[in-house]
Amino acid sequence: MLIQIGTDQVVHGDEELIRHFEEELTTRLSRFSDHITRLEAHFKEEAADDGMNRCCVLEARPAGRRTVAVSHHAGSVDEACRGAVHKLESMYGRADHRKGGDSIRHQSGPAGS
C-alpha cells in the first residue's frame, strides 16, 4: 500500500510529521493492504463555529473498486487522523462482513461456472 501525505499552508508537513503519519496509517490499516493499493491523506485547517480546527481527509484507492473518501474534524491533526482512520476501518469492516460479500466479490464468471 502506497501512502501519500499532503498538507495545506497552515498545517506544515515537515519530514517528522509525514513519517509519523505514514507509520500511524501503515500500522492501523495494514490488515486492509490487500484491498487498498494507495492511500492519500490530506491535512488542513478549516474555520469552525468555535474557531479553527484540523481536518483529515483519507482517500483509499482499492484495487478494482471506486475511490473511498472519509474525513474527520478535530482539535489536532492527530485526533483528526484517528477519527478518519476509524471511519475508514468501519467502512471496510462493513464491506468485508456483509452477508455474501466475499463470494460475490471473488466470483470470476457467470453463476454456476
PDB file of N, CA and C in Angstrom:
ATOM      1  N   MET A   1       0.857  -1.175   0.000  1.00  0.00           N
ATOM      2  CA  MET A   1       0.000   0.000   0.000  1.00  0.00           C
ATOM      3  C   MET A   1       0.897   1.231   0.000  1.00  0.00           C
ATOM      4  N   LEU A   2       0.741   2.042  -1.023  1.00  0.00           N
ATOM      5  CA  LEU A   2       1.472   3.292  -1.133  1.00  0.00           C
ATOM      6  C   LEU A   2       0.716   4.357  -0.351  1.00  0.00           C
ATOM      7  N   ILE A   3       1.430   5.118   0.481  1.00  0.00           N
ATOM      8  CA  ILE A   3       0.808   6.171   1.280  1.00  0.00           C
ATOM      9  C   ILE A   3       1.397   7.502   0.864  1.00  0.00           C
ATOM     10  N   GLN A   4       0.516   8.446   0.528  1.00  0.00           N
ATOM     11  CA  GLN A   4       0.929   9.803   0.173  1.00  0.00           C
ATOM     12  C   GLN A   4       0.264  10.768   1.138  1.00  0.00           C
ATOM     13  N   ILE A   5       1.043  11.718   1.648  1.00  0.00           N
ATOM     14  CA  ILE A   5       0.527  12.663   2.633  1.00  0.00           C
ATOM     15  C   ILE A   5       0.727  14.077   2.121  1.00  0.00           C
ATOM     16  N   GLY A   6      -0.331  14.876   2.216  1.00  0.00           N
ATOM     17  CA  GLY A   6      -0.272  16.270   1.810  1.00  0.00           C
ATOM     18  C   GLY A   6      -0.843  17.160   2.891  1.00  0.00           C
ATOM     19  N   THR A   7      -0.365  18.406   2.938  1.00  0.00           N
ATOM     20  CA  THR A   7      -0.854  19.371   3.909  1.00  0.00           C
ATOM     21  C   THR A   7      -1.133  20.695   3.216  1.00  0.00           C
ATOM     22  N   ASP A   8      -1.893  21.552   3.888  1.00  0.00           N
ATOM     23  CA  ASP A   8      -2.120  22.891   3.349  1.00  0.00           C
ATOM     24  C   ASP A   8      -1.034  23.836   3.870  1.00  0.00           C
ATOM     25  N   GLN A   9      -1.205  25.135   3.645  1.00  0.00           N
ATOM     26  CA  GLN A   9      -0.204  26.114   4.053  1.00  0.00           C
ATOM     27  C   GLN A   9      -0.144  26.293   5.568  1.00  0.00           C
ATOM     28  N   VAL A  10      -1.221  25.975   6.259  1.00  0.00           N
ATOM     29  CA  VAL A  10      -1.274  26.175   7.712  1.00  0.00           C
ATOM     30  C   VAL A  10      -0.716  24.963   8.452  1.00  0.00           C
ATOM     31  N   VAL A  11      -1.083  23.775   8.037  1.00  0.00           N
ATOM     32  CA  VAL A  11      -0.577  22.550   8.649  1.00  0.00           C
ATOM     33  C   VAL A  11       0.695  22.185   7.893  1.00  0.00           C
ATOM     34  N   HIS A  12       1.819  22.519   8.470  1.00  0.00           N
ATOM     35  CA  HIS A  12       3.100  22.314   7.795  1.00  0.00           C
ATOM     36  C   HIS A  12       3.496  20.849   7.825  1.00  0.00           C
ATOM     37  N   GLY A  13       3.779  20.285   6.657  1.00  0.00           N
ATOM     38  CA  GLY A  13       4.115  18.874   6.529  1.00  0.00           C
ATOM     39  C   GLY A  13       5.613  18.638   6.497  1.00  0.00           C
ATOM     40  N   ASP A  14       6.274  18.822   7.648  1.00  0.00           N
ATOM     41  CA  ASP A  14       7.709  18.547   7.683  1.00  0.00           C
ATOM     42  C   ASP A  14       7.960  17.041   7.704  1.00  0.00           C
ATOM     43  N   GLU A  15       9.214  16.653   7.572  1.00  0.00           N
ATOM     44  CA  GLU A  15       9.567  15.227   7.496  1.00  0.00           C
ATOM     45  C   GLU A  15       9.077  14.437   8.704  1.00  0.00           C
ATOM     46  N   GLU A  16       9.206  15.015   9.875  1.00  0.00           N
ATOM     47  CA  GLU A  16       8.798  14.317  11.101  1.00  0.00           C
ATOM     48  C   GLU A  16       7.294  14.036  11.100  1.00  0.00           C
ATOM     49  N   LEU A  17       6.493  15.030  10.729  1.00  0.00           N
ATOM     50  CA  LEU A  17       5.043  14.849  10.685  1.00  0.00           C
ATOM     51  C   LEU A  17       4.671  13.794   9.653  1.00  0.00           C
ATOM     52  N   ILE A  18       5.275  13.849   8.485  1.00  0.00           N
ATOM     53  CA  ILE A  18       4.962  12.887   7.420  1.00  0.00           C
ATOM     54  C   ILE A  18       5.345  11.477   7.852  1.00  0.00           C
ATOM     55  N   ARG A  19       6.524  11.314   8.431  1.00  0.00           N
ATOM     56  CA  ARG A  19       6.968   9.997   8.898  1.00  0.00           C
ATOM     57  C   ARG A  19       6.031   9.457   9.982  1.00  0.00           C
ATOM     58  N   HIS A  20       5.636  10.338  10.907  1.00  0.00           N
ATOM     59  CA  HIS A  20       4.720   9.938  11.983  1.00  0.00           C
ATOM     60  C   HIS A  20       3.410   9.390  11.416  1.00  0.00           C
ATOM     61  N   PHE A  21       2.822  10.117  10.479  1.00  0.00           N
ATOM     62  CA  PHE A  21       1.536   9.679   9.942  1.00  0.00           C
ATOM     63  C   PHE A  21       1.660   8.503   8.988  1.00  0.00           C
ATOM     64  N   GLU A  22       2.775   8.378   8.281  1.00  0.00           N
ATOM     65  CA  GLU A  22       2.987   7.177   7.465  1.00  0.00           C
ATOM     66  C   GLU A  22       3.011   5.937   8.349  1.00  0.00           C
ATOM     67  N   GLU A  23       3.716   6.020   9.485  1.00  0.00           N
ATOM     68  CA  GLU A  23       3.773   4.890  10.421  1.00  0.00           C
ATOM     69  C   GLU A  23       2.397   4.613  11.022  1.00  0.00           C
ATOM     70  N   GLU A  24       1.711   5.663  11.419  1.00  0.00           N
ATOM     71  CA  GLU A  24       0.377   5.518  12.019  1.00  0.00           C
ATOM     72  C   GLU A  24      -0.592   4.856  11.041  1.00  0.00           C
ATOM     73  N   LEU A  25      -0.623   5.339   9.814  1.00  0.00           N
ATOM     74  CA  LEU A  25      -1.549   4.797   8.823  1.00  0.00           C
ATOM     75  C   LEU A  25      -1.176   3.374   8.424  1.00  0.00           C
ATOM     76  N   THR A  26       0.109   3.112   8.275  1.00  0.00           N
ATOM     77  CA  THR A  26       0.557   1.760   7.930  1.00  0.00           C
ATOM     78  C   THR A  26       0.158   0.775   9.025  1.00  0.00           C
ATOM     79  N   THR A  27       0.384   1.151  10.271  1.00  0.00           N
ATOM     80  CA  THR A  27       0.059   0.273  11.403  1.00  0.00           C
ATOM     81  C   THR A  27      -1.440   0.034  11.507  1.00  0.00           C
ATOM     82  N   ARG A  28      -2.215   1.104  11.461  1.00  0.00           N
ATOM     83  CA  ARG A  28      -3.665   0.984  11.671  1.00  0.00           C
ATOM     84  C   ARG A  28      -4.384   0.304  10.514  1.00  0.00           C
ATOM     85  N   LEU A  29      -3.881   0.463   9.280  1.00  0.00           N
ATOM     86  CA  LEU A  29      -4.601  -0.044   8.120  1.00  0.00           C
ATOM     87  C   LEU A  29      -3.916  -1.227   7.442  1.00  0.00           C
ATOM     88  N   SER A  30      -2.924  -1.807   8.084  1.00  0.00           N
ATOM     89  CA  SER A  30      -2.170  -2.907   7.465  1.00  0.00           C
ATOM     90  C   SER A  30      -3.053  -4.096   7.109  1.00  0.00           C
ATOM     91  N   ARG A  31      -4.092  -4.352   7.881  1.00  0.00           N
ATOM     92  CA  ARG A  31      -4.953  -5.508   7.574  1.00  0.00           C
ATOM     93  C   ARG A  31      -5.749  -5.320   6.283  1.00  0.00           C
ATOM     94  N   PHE A  32      -5.807  -4.090   5.764  1.00  0.00           N
ATOM     95  CA  PHE A  32      -6.510  -3.820   4.511  1.00  0.00           C
ATOM     96  C   PHE A  32      -5.548  -3.665   3.345  1.00  0.00           C
ATOM     97  N   SER A  33      -4.267  -3.954   3.545  1.00  0.00           N
ATOM     98  CA  SER A  33      -3.274  -3.724   2.500  1.00  0.00           C
ATOM     99  C   SER A  33      -3.510  -4.581   1.261  1.00  0.00           C
ATOM    100  N   ASP A  34      -4.232  -5.698   1.392  1.00  0.00           N
ATOM    101  CA  ASP A  34      -4.583  -6.499   0.214  1.00  0.00           C
ATOM    102  C   ASP A  34      -5.653  -5.809  -0.633  1.00  0.00           C
ATOM    103  N   HIS A  35      -6.441  -4.940  -0.011  1.00  0.00           N
ATOM    104  CA  HIS A  35      -7.537  -4.266  -0.716  1.00  0.00           C
ATOM    105  C   HIS A  35      -7.131  -2.884  -1.218  1.00  0.00           C
ATOM    106  N   ILE A  36      -6.359  -2.156  -0.420  1.00  0.00           N
ATOM    107  CA  ILE A  36      -6.029  -0.767  -0.743  1.00  0.00           C
ATOM    108  C   ILE A  36      -4.669  -0.715  -1.430  1.00  0.00           C
ATOM    109  N   THR A  37      -4.631  -0.179  -2.641  1.00  0.00           N
ATOM    110  CA  THR A  37      -3.358  -0.055  -3.347  1.00  0.00           C
ATOM    111  C   THR A  37      -2.672   1.268  -3.014  1.00  0.00           C
ATOM    112  N   ARG A  38      -3.464   2.322  -2.804  1.00  0.00           N
ATOM    113  CA  ARG A  38      -2.898   3.626  -2.476  1.00  0.00           C
ATOM    114  C   ARG A  38      -3.804   4.335  -1.495  1.00  0.00           C
ATOM    115  N   LEU A  39      -3.184   5.028  -0.554  1.00  0.00           N
ATOM    116  CA  LEU A  39      -3.914   5.806   0.442  1.00  0.00           C
ATOM    117  C   LEU A  39      -3.352   7.213   0.428  1.00  0.00           C
ATOM    118  N   GLU A  40      -4.235   8.186   0.251  1.00  0.00           N
ATOM    119  CA  GLU A  40      -3.819   9.586   0.280  1.00  0.00           C
ATOM    120  C   GLU A  40      -4.424  10.228   1.515  1.00  0.00           C
ATOM    121  N   ALA A  41      -3.572  10.905   2.277  1.00  0.00           N
ATOM    122  CA  ALA A  41      -4.020  11.624   3.471  1.00  0.00           C
ATOM    123  C   ALA A  41      -3.778  13.111   3.249  1.00  0.00           C
ATOM    124  N   HIS A  42      -4.803  13.913   3.486  1.00  0.00           N
ATOM    125  CA  HIS A  42      -4.712  15.361   3.324  1.00  0.00           C
ATOM    126  C   HIS A  42      -5.060  15.999   4.667  1.00  0.00           C
ATOM    127  N   PHE A  43      -4.152  16.826   5.177  1.00  0.00           N
ATOM    128  CA  PHE A  43      -4.383  17.525   6.437  1.00  0.00           C
ATOM    129  C   PHE A  43      -4.530  19.009   6.148  1.00  0.00           C
ATOM    130  N   LYS A  44      -5.550  19.618   6.749  1.00  0.00           N
ATOM    131  CA  LYS A  44      -5.766  21.050   6.536  1.00  0.00           C
ATOM    132  C   LYS A  44      -6.443  21.655   7.751  1.00  0.00           C
ATOM    133  N   GLU A  45      -6.396  22.964   7.812  1.00  0.00           N
ATOM    134  CA  GLU A  45      -7.074  23.684   8.875  1.00  0.00           C
ATOM    135  C   GLU A  45      -8.268  24.396   8.268  1.00  0.00           C
ATOM    136  N   GLU A  46      -9.398  24.343   8.971  1.00  0.00           N
ATOM    137  CA  GLU A  46     -10.623  24.963   8.476  1.00  0.00           C
ATOM    138  C   GLU A  46     -11.270  25.793   9.571  1.00  0.00           C
ATOM    139  N   ALA A  47     -12.015  26.792   9.149  1.00  0.00           N
ATOM    140  CA  ALA A  47     -12.760  27.607  10.103  1.00  0.00           C
ATOM    141  C   ALA A  47     -13.947  26.815  10.631  1.00  0.00           C
ATOM    142  N   ALA A  48     -14.214  26.968  11.908  1.00  0.00           N
ATOM    143  CA  ALA A  48     -15.360  26.321  12.548  1.00  0.00           C
ATOM    144  C   ALA A  48     -16.072  27.357  13.405  1.00  0.00           C
ATOM    145  N   ASP A  49     -17.268  27.025  13.867  1.00  0.00           N
ATOM    146  CA  ASP A  49     -18.032  27.954  14.699  1.00  0.00           C
ATOM    147  C   ASP A  49     -17.259  28.362  15.949  1.00  0.00           C
ATOM    148  N   ASP A  50     -16.473  27.437  16.490  1.00  0.00           N
ATOM    149  CA  ASP A  50     -15.735  27.713  17.724  1.00  0.00           C
ATOM    150  C   ASP A  50     -14.262  28.032  17.466  1.00  0.00           C
ATOM    151  N   GLY A  51     -13.932  28.526  16.292  1.00  0.00           N
ATOM    152  CA  GLY A  51     -12.546  28.858  15.963  1.00  0.00           C
ATOM    153  C   GLY A  51     -12.059  28.019  14.801  1.00  0.00           C
ATOM    154  N   MET A  52     -10.774  27.678  14.814  1.00  0.00           N
ATOM    155  CA  MET A  52     -10.179  26.868  13.757  1.00  0.00           C
ATOM    156  C   MET A  52     -10.046  25.429  14.236  1.00  0.00           C
ATOM    157  N   ASN A  53     -10.202  24.496  13.321  1.00  0.00           N
ATOM    158  CA  ASN A  53      -9.948  23.104  13.673  1.00  0.00           C
ATOM    159  C   ASN A  53      -9.231  22.403  12.535  1.00  0.00           C
ATOM    160  N   ARG A  54      -8.705  21.248  12.833  1.00  0.00           N
ATOM    161  CA  ARG A  54      -7.942  20.473  11.861  1.00  0.00           C
ATOM    162  C   ARG A  54      -8.858  19.444  11.198  1.00  0.00           C
ATOM    163  N   CYS A  55      -8.561  19.160   9.948  1.00  0.00           N
ATOM    164  CA  CYS A  55      -9.335  18.184   9.192  1.00  0.00           C
ATOM    165  C   CYS A  55      -8.370  17.197   8.545  1.00  0.00           C
ATOM    166  N   CYS A  56      -8.745  15.925   8.577  1.00  0.00           N
ATOM    167  CA  CYS A  56      -8.005  14.890   7.869  1.00  0.00           C
ATOM    168  C   CYS A  56      -8.960  14.247   6.877  1.00  0.00           C
ATOM    169  N   VAL A  57      -8.560  14.221   5.632  1.00  0.00           N
ATOM    170  CA  VAL A  57      -9.313  13.542   4.588  1.00  0.00           C
ATOM    171  C   VAL A  57      -8.464  12.363   4.124  1.00  0.00           C
ATOM    172  N   LEU A  58      -9.032  11.170   4.187  1.00  0.00           N
ATOM    173  CA  LEU A  58      -8.351   9.978   3.699  1.00  0.00           C
ATOM    174  C   LEU A  58      -9.049   9.505   2.438  1.00  0.00           C
ATOM    175  N   GLU A  59      -8.280   9.294   1.381  1.00  0.00           N
ATOM    176  CA  GLU A  59      -8.793   8.737   0.131  1.00  0.00           C
ATOM    177  C   GLU A  59      -8.128   7.392  -0.085  1.00  0.00           C
ATOM    178  N   ALA A  60      -8.906   6.338   0.006  1.00  0.00           N
ATOM    179  CA  ALA A  60      -8.391   4.985  -0.211  1.00  0.00           C
ATOM    180  C   ALA A  60      -8.725   4.578  -1.630  1.00  0.00           C
ATOM    181  N   ARG A  61      -7.719   4.072  -2.311  1.00  0.00           N
ATOM    182  CA  ARG A  61      -7.900   3.626  -3.687  1.00  0.00           C
ATOM    183  C   ARG A  61      -7.762   2.102  -3.712  1.00  0.00           C
ATOM    184  N   PRO A  62      -8.896   1.418  -3.610  1.00  0.00           N
ATOM    185  CA  PRO A  62      -8.860  -0.048  -3.611  1.00  0.00           C
ATOM    186  C   PRO A  62      -8.718  -0.597  -5.032  1.00  0.00           C
ATOM    187  N   ALA A  63      -8.075  -1.727  -5.134  1.00  0.00           N
ATOM    188  CA  ALA A  63      -7.881  -2.374  -6.432  1.00  0.00           C
ATOM    189  C   ALA A  63      -9.226  -2.769  -7.020  1.00  0.00           C
ATOM    190  N   GLY A  64      -9.509  -2.336  -8.233  1.00  0.00           N
ATOM    191  CA  GLY A  64     -10.720  -2.727  -8.939  1.00  0.00           C
ATOM    192  C   GLY A  64     -12.010  -2.134  -8.407  1.00  0.00           C
ATOM    193  N   ARG A  65     -11.916  -1.153  -7.523  1.00  0.00           N
ATOM    194  CA  ARG A  65     -13.122  -0.530  -6.960  1.00  0.00           C
ATOM    195  C   ARG A  65     -12.961   0.984  -6.972  1.00  0.00           C
ATOM    196  N   ARG A  66     -14.062   1.671  -6.726  1.00  0.00           N
ATOM    197  CA  ARG A  66     -14.031   3.124  -6.691  1.00  0.00           C
ATOM    198  C   ARG A  66     -13.274   3.638  -5.476  1.00  0.00           C
ATOM    199  N   THR A  67     -12.757   4.854  -5.606  1.00  0.00           N
ATOM    200  CA  THR A  67     -12.085   5.522  -4.500  1.00  0.00           C
ATOM    201  C   THR A  67     -13.075   5.765  -3.373  1.00  0.00           C
ATOM    202  N   VAL A  68     -12.613   5.547  -2.152  1.00  0.00           N
ATOM    203  CA  VAL A  68     -13.423   5.786  -0.955  1.00  0.00           C
ATOM    204  C   VAL A  68     -12.784   6.944  -0.209  1.00  0.00           C
ATOM    205  N   ALA A  69     -13.576   7.935   0.167  1.00  0.00           N
ATOM    206  CA  ALA A  69     -13.044   9.079   0.906  1.00  0.00           C
ATOM    207  C   ALA A  69     -13.820   9.273   2.203  1.00  0.00           C
ATOM    208  N   VAL A  70     -13.082   9.549   3.270  1.00  0.00           N
ATOM    209  CA  VAL A  70     -13.674   9.861   4.565  1.00  0.00           C
ATOM    210  C   VAL A  70     -12.949  11.079   5.123  1.00  0.00           C
ATOM    211  N   SER A  71     -13.606  11.805   6.008  1.00  0.00           N
ATOM    212  CA  SER A  71     -12.955  12.949   6.642  1.00  0.00           C
ATOM    213  C   SER A  71     -13.375  13.026   8.104  1.00  0.00           C
ATOM    214  N   HIS A  72     -12.542  13.710   8.868  1.00  0.00           N
ATOM    215  CA  HIS A  72     -12.854  13.904  10.282  1.00  0.00           C
ATOM    216  C   HIS A  72     -12.249  15.230  10.719  1.00  0.00           C
ATOM    217  N   HIS A  73     -13.014  15.997  11.502  1.00  0.00           N
ATOM    218  CA  HIS A  73     -12.561  17.277  12.048  1.00  0.00           C
ATOM    219  C   HIS A  73     -12.303  17.107  13.536  1.00  0.00           C
ATOM    220  N   ALA A  74     -11.232  17.741  14.015  1.00  0.00           N
ATOM    221  CA  ALA A  74     -10.901  17.663  15.436  1.00  0.00           C
ATOM    222  C   ALA A  74      -9.999  18.842  15.799  1.00  0.00           C
ATOM    223  N   GLY A  75      -9.620  18.907  17.053  1.00  0.00           N
ATOM    224  CA  GLY A  75      -8.778  19.995  17.540  1.00  0.00           C
ATOM    225  C   GLY A  75      -7.321  19.868  17.162  1.00  0.00           C
ATOM    226  N   SER A  76      -6.863  18.657  16.809  1.00  0.00           N
ATOM    227  CA  SER A  76      -5.464  18.459  16.421  1.00  0.00           C
ATOM    228  C   SER A  76      -5.408  17.538  15.207  1.00  0.00           C
ATOM    229  N   VAL A  77      -4.269  17.541  14.522  1.00  0.00           N
ATOM    230  CA  VAL A  77      -4.131  16.664  13.360  1.00  0.00           C
ATOM    231  C   VAL A  77      -4.116  15.201  13.796  1.00  0.00           C
ATOM    232  N   ASP A  78      -3.558  14.909  14.978  1.00  0.00           N
ATOM    233  CA  ASP A  78      -3.565  13.522  15.474  1.00  0.00           C
ATOM    234  C   ASP A  78      -4.994  13.020  15.680  1.00  0.00           C
ATOM    235  N   GLU A  79      -5.813  13.825  16.344  1.00  0.00           N
ATOM    236  CA  GLU A  79      -7.211  13.433  16.583  1.00  0.00           C
ATOM    237  C   GLU A  79      -7.974  13.314  15.267  1.00  0.00           C
ATOM    238  N   ALA A  80      -7.728  14.236  14.348  1.00  0.00           N
ATOM    239  CA  ALA A  80      -8.407  14.197  13.051  1.00  0.00           C
ATOM    240  C   ALA A  80      -8.028  12.931  12.291  1.00  0.00           C
ATOM    241  N   CYS A  81      -6.755  12.562  12.337  1.00  0.00           N
ATOM    242  CA  CYS A  81      -6.296  11.354  11.653  1.00  0.00           C
ATOM    243  C   CYS A  81      -6.925  10.112  12.281  1.00  0.00           C
ATOM    244  N   ARG A  82      -6.906  10.026  13.603  1.00  0.00           N
ATOM    245  CA  ARG A  82      -7.502   8.863  14.280  1.00  0.00           C
ATOM    246  C   ARG A  82      -8.976   8.721  13.942  1.00  0.00           C
ATOM    247  N   GLY A  83      -9.695   9.835  13.919  1.00  0.00           N
ATOM    248  CA  GLY A  83     -11.114   9.783  13.590  1.00  0.00           C
ATOM    249  C   GLY A  83     -11.366   9.337  12.158  1.00  0.00           C
ATOM    250  N   ALA A  84     -10.571   9.847  11.223  1.00  0.00           N
ATOM    251  CA  ALA A  84     -10.733   9.455   9.812  1.00  0.00           C
ATOM    252  C   ALA A  84     -10.374   7.987   9.620  1.00  0.00           C
ATOM    253  N   VAL A  85      -9.311   7.522  10.279  1.00  0.00           N
ATOM    254  CA  VAL A  85      -8.917   6.114  10.184  1.00  0.00           C
ATOM    255  C   VAL A  85     -10.020   5.226  10.730  1.00  0.00           C
ATOM    256  N   HIS A  86     -10.611   5.626  11.847  1.00  0.00           N
ATOM    257  CA  HIS A  86     -11.703   4.840  12.436  1.00  0.00           C
ATOM    258  C   HIS A  86     -12.873   4.722  11.449  1.00  0.00           C
ATOM    259  N   LYS A  87     -13.206   5.810  10.781  1.00  0.00           N
ATOM    260  CA  LYS A  87     -14.292   5.770   9.790  1.00  0.00           C
ATOM    261  C   LYS A  87     -13.945   4.843   8.626  1.00  0.00           C
ATOM    262  N   LEU A  88     -12.697   4.915   8.165  1.00  0.00           N
ATOM    263  CA  LEU A  88     -12.277   4.053   7.059  1.00  0.00           C
ATOM    264  C   LEU A  88     -12.288   2.591   7.482  1.00  0.00           C
ATOM    265  N   GLU A  89     -11.806   2.308   8.695  1.00  0.00           N
ATOM    266  CA  GLU A  89     -11.836   0.935   9.210  1.00  0.00           C
ATOM    267  C   GLU A  89     -13.273   0.423   9.278  1.00  0.00           C
ATOM    268  N   SER A  90     -14.177   1.276   9.730  1.00  0.00           N
ATOM    269  CA  SER A  90     -15.591   0.887   9.824  1.00  0.00           C
ATOM    270  C   SER A  90     -16.171   0.579   8.453  1.00  0.00           C
ATOM    271  N   MET A  91     -15.838   1.392   7.466  1.00  0.00           N
ATOM    272  CA  MET A  91     -16.351   1.166   6.115  1.00  0.00           C
ATOM    273  C   MET A  91     -15.853  -0.159   5.551  1.00  0.00           C
ATOM    274  N   TYR A  92     -14.558  -0.418   5.692  1.00  0.00           N
ATOM    275  CA  TYR A  92     -14.016  -1.671   5.177  1.00  0.00           C
ATOM    276  C   TYR A  92     -14.471  -2.853   5.997  1.00  0.00           C
ATOM    277  N   GLY A  93     -14.651  -2.672   7.285  1.00  0.00           N
ATOM    278  CA  GLY A  93     -15.168  -3.750   8.122  1.00  0.00           C
ATOM    279  C   GLY A  93     -16.571  -4.151   7.707  1.00  0.00           C
ATOM    280  N   ARG A  94     -17.414  -3.166   7.415  1.00  0.00           N
ATOM    281  CA  ARG A  94     -18.785  -3.458   6.966  1.00  0.00           C
ATOM    282  C   ARG A  94     -18.770  -4.151   5.612  1.00  0.00           C
ATOM    283  N   ALA A  95     -17.910  -3.682   4.701  1.00  0.00           N
ATOM    284  CA  ALA A  95     -17.863  -4.270   3.360  1.00  0.00           C
ATOM    285  C   ALA A  95     -17.411  -5.723   3.420  1.00  0.00           C
ATOM    286  N   ASP A  96     -16.461  -6.027   4.305  1.00  0.00           N
ATOM    287  CA  ASP A  96     -15.955  -7.396   4.397  1.00  0.00           C
ATOM    288  C   ASP A  96     -16.887  -8.325   5.152  1.00  0.00           C
ATOM    289  N   HIS A  97     -17.813  -7.773   5.927  1.00  0.00           N
ATOM    290  CA  HIS A  97     -18.675  -8.622   6.736  1.00  0.00           C
ATOM    291  C   HIS A  97     -20.119  -8.667   6.259  1.00  0.00           C
ATOM    292  N   ARG A  98     -20.387  -8.107   5.091  1.00  0.00           N
ATOM    293  CA  ARG A  98     -21.743  -8.208   4.548  1.00  0.00           C
ATOM    294  C   ARG A  98     -22.045  -9.653   4.199  1.00  0.00           C
ATOM    295  N   LYS A  99     -23.269 -10.048   4.400  1.00  0.00           N
ATOM    296  CA  LYS A  99     -23.671 -11.414   4.067  1.00  0.00           C
ATOM    297  C   LYS A  99     -23.453 -11.644   2.573  1.00  0.00           C
ATOM    298  N   GLY A 100     -22.632 -12.631   2.246  1.00  0.00           N
ATOM    299  CA  GLY A 100     -22.367 -12.969   0.858  1.00  0.00           C
ATOM    300  C   GLY A 100     -21.367 -12.058   0.175  1.00  0.00           C
ATOM    301  N   GLY A 101     -20.827 -11.085   0.886  1.00  0.00           N
ATOM    302  CA  GLY A 101     -19.918 -10.120   0.283  1.00  0.00           C
ATOM    303  C   GLY A 101     -18.701 -10.761  -0.349  1.00  0.00           C
ATOM    304  N   ASP A 102     -18.065 -11.684   0.362  1.00  0.00           N
ATOM    305  CA  ASP A 102     -16.858 -12.305  -0.178  1.00  0.00           C
ATOM    306  C   ASP A 102     -17.155 -13.132  -1.417  1.00  0.00           C
ATOM    307  N   SER A 103     -18.207 -13.928  -1.392  1.00  0.00           N
ATOM    308  CA  SER A 103     -18.483 -14.795  -2.539  1.00  0.00           C
ATOM    309  C   SER A 103     -18.860 -13.966  -3.768  1.00  0.00           C
ATOM    310  N   ILE A 104     -19.527 -12.862  -3.566  1.00  0.00           N
ATOM    311  CA  ILE A 104     -19.914 -12.019  -4.696  1.00  0.00           C
ATOM    312  C   ILE A 104     -18.684 -11.312  -5.254  1.00  0.00           C
ATOM    313  N   ARG A 105     -17.843 -10.789  -4.383  1.00  0.00           N
ATOM    314  CA  ARG A 105     -16.682 -10.027  -4.802  1.00  0.00           C
ATOM    315  C   ARG A 105     -15.665 -10.893  -5.526  1.00  0.00           C
ATOM    316  N   HIS A 106     -15.510 -12.155  -5.135  1.00  0.00           N
ATOM    317  CA  HIS A 106     -14.500 -13.011  -5.698  1.00  0.00           C
ATOM    318  C   HIS A 106     -15.023 -13.923  -6.824  1.00  0.00           C
ATOM    319  N   GLN A 107     -16.268 -13.781  -7.163  1.00  0.00           N
ATOM    320  CA  GLN A 107     -16.836 -14.610  -8.220  1.00  0.00           C
ATOM    321  C   GLN A 107     -16.215 -14.194  -9.553  1.00  0.00           C
ATOM    322  N   SER A 108     -15.692 -15.152 -10.312  1.00  0.00           N
ATOM    323  CA  SER A 108     -14.965 -14.782 -11.526  1.00  0.00           C
ATOM    324  C   SER A 108     -15.768 -14.958 -12.811  1.00  0.00           C
ATOM    325  N   GLY A 109     -16.877 -15.591 -12.786  1.00  0.00           N
ATOM    326  CA  GLY A 109     -17.637 -15.795 -14.017  1.00  0.00           C
ATOM    327  C   GLY A 109     -19.119 -15.851 -13.725  1.00  0.00           C
ATOM    328  N   PRO A 110     -19.928 -16.188 -14.712  1.00  0.00           N
ATOM    329  CA  PRO A 110     -21.361 -16.303 -14.505  1.00  0.00           C
ATOM    330  C   PRO A 110     -21.663 -17.378 -13.453  1.00  0.00           C
ATOM    331  N   ALA A 111     -22.789 -17.230 -12.829  1.00  0.00           N
ATOM    332  CA  ALA A 111     -23.198 -18.196 -11.798  1.00  0.00           C
ATOM    333  C   ALA A 111     -23.166 -19.602 -12.360  1.00  0.00           C
ATOM    334  N   GLY A 112     -22.581 -20.501 -11.568  1.00  0.00           N
ATOM    335  CA  GLY A 112     -22.569 -21.901 -11.958  1.00  0.00           C
ATOM    336  C   GLY A 112     -21.379 -22.302 -12.801  1.00  0.00           C
ATOM    337  N   SER A 113     -20.495 -21.358 -13.135  1.00  0.00           N
ATOM    338  CA  SER A 113     -19.353 -21.740 -13.956  1.00  0.00           C
ATOM    339  C   SER A 113     -18.108 -21.962 -13.149  1.00  0.00           C
TER     340      SER A 113
END
